[in-house]
Amino acid sequence: MNILRLIIALLFLCFGLVIGFLNDSPGITLDLVFFTWSTTPGNAIILSLLAGAIIGGLTVIAALVLPLYAKLRSAGRPAKPDRMHKAPADRMPNDPGA
């Protein structure tokens, strides 16, 4: 299974490199908020895909992983004494006689 994942990752890497090499036409200029960046379209495509993957990963971490980790951490704590319900020691919980 790990070899299959490695092969798929290498295929996507090669696909990205092919896109980068095929889009080596004259440079484009990206006017961003704080600076201007001149690059080729291939580099812009690859870097935008990388930025999207990073932003998507951070979104998943913030929206899913951190809340689930907090819930898991709180599940491992012992319950507070006022929330625990104990039956009296002299009778069983299902004892109809008392």
C-alpha atoms as a PDB file:
ATOM      1  CA  MET A   1       0.000   0.000   0.000  1.00  0.00           C
ATOM      2  CA  ASN A   2       2.863   2.394   0.769  1.00  0.00           C
ATOM      3  CA  ILE A   3       4.412   1.719  -2.642  1.00  0.00           C
ATOM      4  CA  LEU A   4       1.107   2.604  -4.300  1.00  0.00           C
ATOM      5  CA  ARG A   5       0.987   5.917  -2.435  1.00  0.00           C
ATOM      6  CA  LEU A   6       4.574   6.653  -3.446  1.00  0.00           C
ATOM      7  CA  ILE A   7       3.816   5.939  -7.095  1.00  0.00           C
ATOM      8  CA  ILE A   8       0.733   8.179  -7.014  1.00  0.00           C
ATOM      9  CA  ALA A   9       2.713  10.979  -5.354  1.00  0.00           C
ATOM     10  CA  LEU A  10       5.455  10.707  -7.969  1.00  0.00           C
ATOM     11  CA  LEU A  11       2.878  10.786 -10.768  1.00  0.00           C
ATOM     12  CA  PHE A  12       1.395  13.992  -9.403  1.00  0.00           C
ATOM     13  CA  LEU A  13       4.875  15.467  -9.017  1.00  0.00           C
ATOM     14  CA  CYS A  14       5.679  14.648 -12.642  1.00  0.00           C
ATOM     15  CA  PHE A  15       2.322  16.070 -13.723  1.00  0.00           C
ATOM     16  CA  GLY A  16       3.092  19.330 -11.925  1.00  0.00           C
ATOM     17  CA  LEU A  17       6.539  19.517 -13.494  1.00  0.00           C
ATOM     18  CA  VAL A  18       5.072  18.961 -16.965  1.00  0.00           C
ATOM     19  CA  ILE A  19       2.562  21.766 -16.376  1.00  0.00           C
ATOM     20  CA  GLY A  20       5.395  24.018 -15.247  1.00  0.00           C
ATOM     21  CA  PHE A  21       7.564  23.253 -18.266  1.00  0.00           C
ATOM     22  CA  LEU A  22       4.739  23.598 -20.775  1.00  0.00           C
ATOM     23  CA  ASN A  23       3.809  27.022 -19.409  1.00  0.00           C
ATOM     24  CA  ASP A  24       7.177  28.693 -19.796  1.00  0.00           C
ATOM     25  CA  SER A  25       5.925  31.460 -22.059  1.00  0.00           C
ATOM     26  CA  PRO A  26       7.053  35.035 -21.412  1.00  0.00           C
ATOM     27  CA  GLY A  27       6.633  36.241 -17.888  1.00  0.00           C
ATOM     28  CA  ILE A  28       3.478  37.466 -16.273  1.00  0.00           C
ATOM     29  CA  THR A  29       3.279  40.068 -13.550  1.00  0.00           C
ATOM     30  CA  LEU A  30       1.206  39.406 -10.456  1.00  0.00           C
ATOM     31  CA  ASP A  31       0.141  42.571  -8.680  1.00  0.00           C
ATOM     32  CA  LEU A  32      -0.371  41.539  -5.087  1.00  0.00           C
ATOM     33  CA  VAL A  33      -1.444  43.780  -2.229  1.00  0.00           C
ATOM     34  CA  PHE A  34       2.010  44.586  -0.878  1.00  0.00           C
ATOM     35  CA  PHE A  35       4.313  43.788  -3.803  1.00  0.00           C
ATOM     36  CA  THR A  36       4.539  42.964  -7.496  1.00  0.00           C
ATOM     37  CA  TRP A  37       5.925  39.624  -8.638  1.00  0.00           C
ATOM     38  CA  SER A  38       7.104  38.727 -12.155  1.00  0.00           C
ATOM     39  CA  THR A  39       7.127  35.026 -12.989  1.00  0.00           C
ATOM     40  CA  THR A  40       6.246  32.491 -15.671  1.00  0.00           C
ATOM     41  CA  PRO A  41       2.727  31.049 -15.862  1.00  0.00           C
ATOM     42  CA  GLY A  42       4.032  27.585 -14.915  1.00  0.00           C
ATOM     43  CA  ASN A  43       5.527  28.836 -11.682  1.00  0.00           C
ATOM     44  CA  ALA A  44       2.366  30.783 -10.899  1.00  0.00           C
ATOM     45  CA  ILE A  45       0.210  27.677 -11.412  1.00  0.00           C
ATOM     46  CA  ILE A  46       2.434  25.432  -9.289  1.00  0.00           C
ATOM     47  CA  LEU A  47       2.758  27.978  -6.484  1.00  0.00           C
ATOM     48  CA  SER A  48      -0.977  28.677  -6.456  1.00  0.00           C
ATOM     49  CA  LEU A  49      -1.671  24.931  -6.166  1.00  0.00           C
ATOM     50  CA  LEU A  50       0.817  24.718  -3.305  1.00  0.00           C
ATOM     51  CA  ALA A  51      -0.739  27.724  -1.566  1.00  0.00           C
ATOM     52  CA  GLY A  52      -4.209  26.204  -1.982  1.00  0.00           C
ATOM     53  CA  ALA A  53      -3.060  22.915  -0.477  1.00  0.00           C
ATOM     54  CA  ILE A  54      -1.474  24.681   2.491  1.00  0.00           C
ATOM     55  CA  ILE A  55      -4.504  26.911   3.106  1.00  0.00           C
ATOM     56  CA  GLY A  56      -6.853  23.921   2.770  1.00  0.00           C
ATOM     57  CA  GLY A  57      -4.773  21.884   5.215  1.00  0.00           C
ATOM     58  CA  LEU A  58      -4.750  24.701   7.751  1.00  0.00           C
ATOM     59  CA  THR A  59      -8.519  25.069   7.363  1.00  0.00           C
ATOM     60  CA  VAL A  60      -9.052  21.359   8.035  1.00  0.00           C
ATOM     61  CA  ILE A  61      -6.785  21.544  11.080  1.00  0.00           C
ATOM     62  CA  ALA A  62      -8.625  24.570  12.467  1.00  0.00           C
ATOM     63  CA  ALA A  63     -12.136  23.300  11.717  1.00  0.00           C
ATOM     64  CA  LEU A  64     -11.830  19.585  12.500  1.00  0.00           C
ATOM     65  CA  VAL A  65      -8.609  18.450  14.094  1.00  0.00           C
ATOM     66  CA  LEU A  66      -8.310  20.965  16.930  1.00  0.00           C
ATOM     67  CA  PRO A  67     -11.945  20.615  18.145  1.00  0.00           C
ATOM     68  CA  LEU A  68     -11.737  16.821  17.998  1.00  0.00           C
ATOM     69  CA  TYR A  69      -8.425  16.878  19.858  1.00  0.00           C
ATOM     70  CA  ALA A  70      -9.945  19.061  22.556  1.00  0.00           C
ATOM     71  CA  LYS A  71     -12.919  16.693  22.846  1.00  0.00           C
ATOM     72  CA  LEU A  72     -10.592  13.708  23.090  1.00  0.00           C
ATOM     73  CA  ARG A  73      -8.534  15.430  25.771  1.00  0.00           C
ATOM     74  CA  SER A  74     -11.618  16.213  27.838  1.00  0.00           C
ATOM     75  CA  ALA A  75     -12.880  12.640  27.454  1.00  0.00           C
ATOM     76  CA  GLY A  76      -9.728  11.359  29.133  1.00  0.00           C
ATOM     77  CA  ARG A  77     -10.267  13.393  32.310  1.00  0.00           C
ATOM     78  CA  PRO A  78     -11.982  11.789  35.293  1.00  0.00           C
ATOM     79  CA  ALA A  79     -15.533  12.912  36.009  1.00  0.00           C
ATOM     80  CA  LYS A  80     -16.189  15.460  38.734  1.00  0.00           C
ATOM     81  CA  PRO A  81     -17.548  14.010  42.016  1.00  0.00           C
ATOM     82  CA  ASP A  82     -20.826  15.953  41.822  1.00  0.00           C
ATOM     83  CA  ARG A  83     -21.640  14.350  38.468  1.00  0.00           C
ATOM     84  CA  MET A  84     -21.088  10.788  39.600  1.00  0.00           C
ATOM     85  CA  HIS A  85     -24.196   9.022  40.836  1.00  0.00           C
ATOM     86  CA  LYS A  86     -23.554   6.343  43.404  1.00  0.00           C
ATOM     87  CA  ALA A  87     -26.157   3.949  44.741  1.00  0.00           C
ATOM     88  CA  PRO A  88     -26.324   3.604  48.507  1.00  0.00           C
ATOM     89  CA  ALA A  89     -24.158   0.786  49.801  1.00  0.00           C
ATOM     90  CA  ASP A  90     -27.014  -0.938  51.694  1.00  0.00           C
ATOM     91  CA  ARG A  91     -29.165  -1.713  48.617  1.00  0.00           C
ATOM     92  CA  MET A  92     -28.746  -2.579  44.999  1.00  0.00           C
ATOM     93  CA  PRO A  93     -29.923  -0.142  42.310  1.00  0.00           C
ATOM     94  CA  ASN A  94     -32.662  -2.482  41.050  1.00  0.00           C
ATOM     95  CA  ASP A  95     -33.857  -3.540  44.515  1.00  0.00           C
ATOM     96  CA  PRO A  96     -37.670  -3.057  44.614  1.00  0.00           C
ATOM     97  CA  GLY A  97     -37.833  -3.538  48.402  1.00  0.00           C
ATOM     98  CA  ALA A  98     -36.433  -0.248  49.594  1.00  0.00           C
END
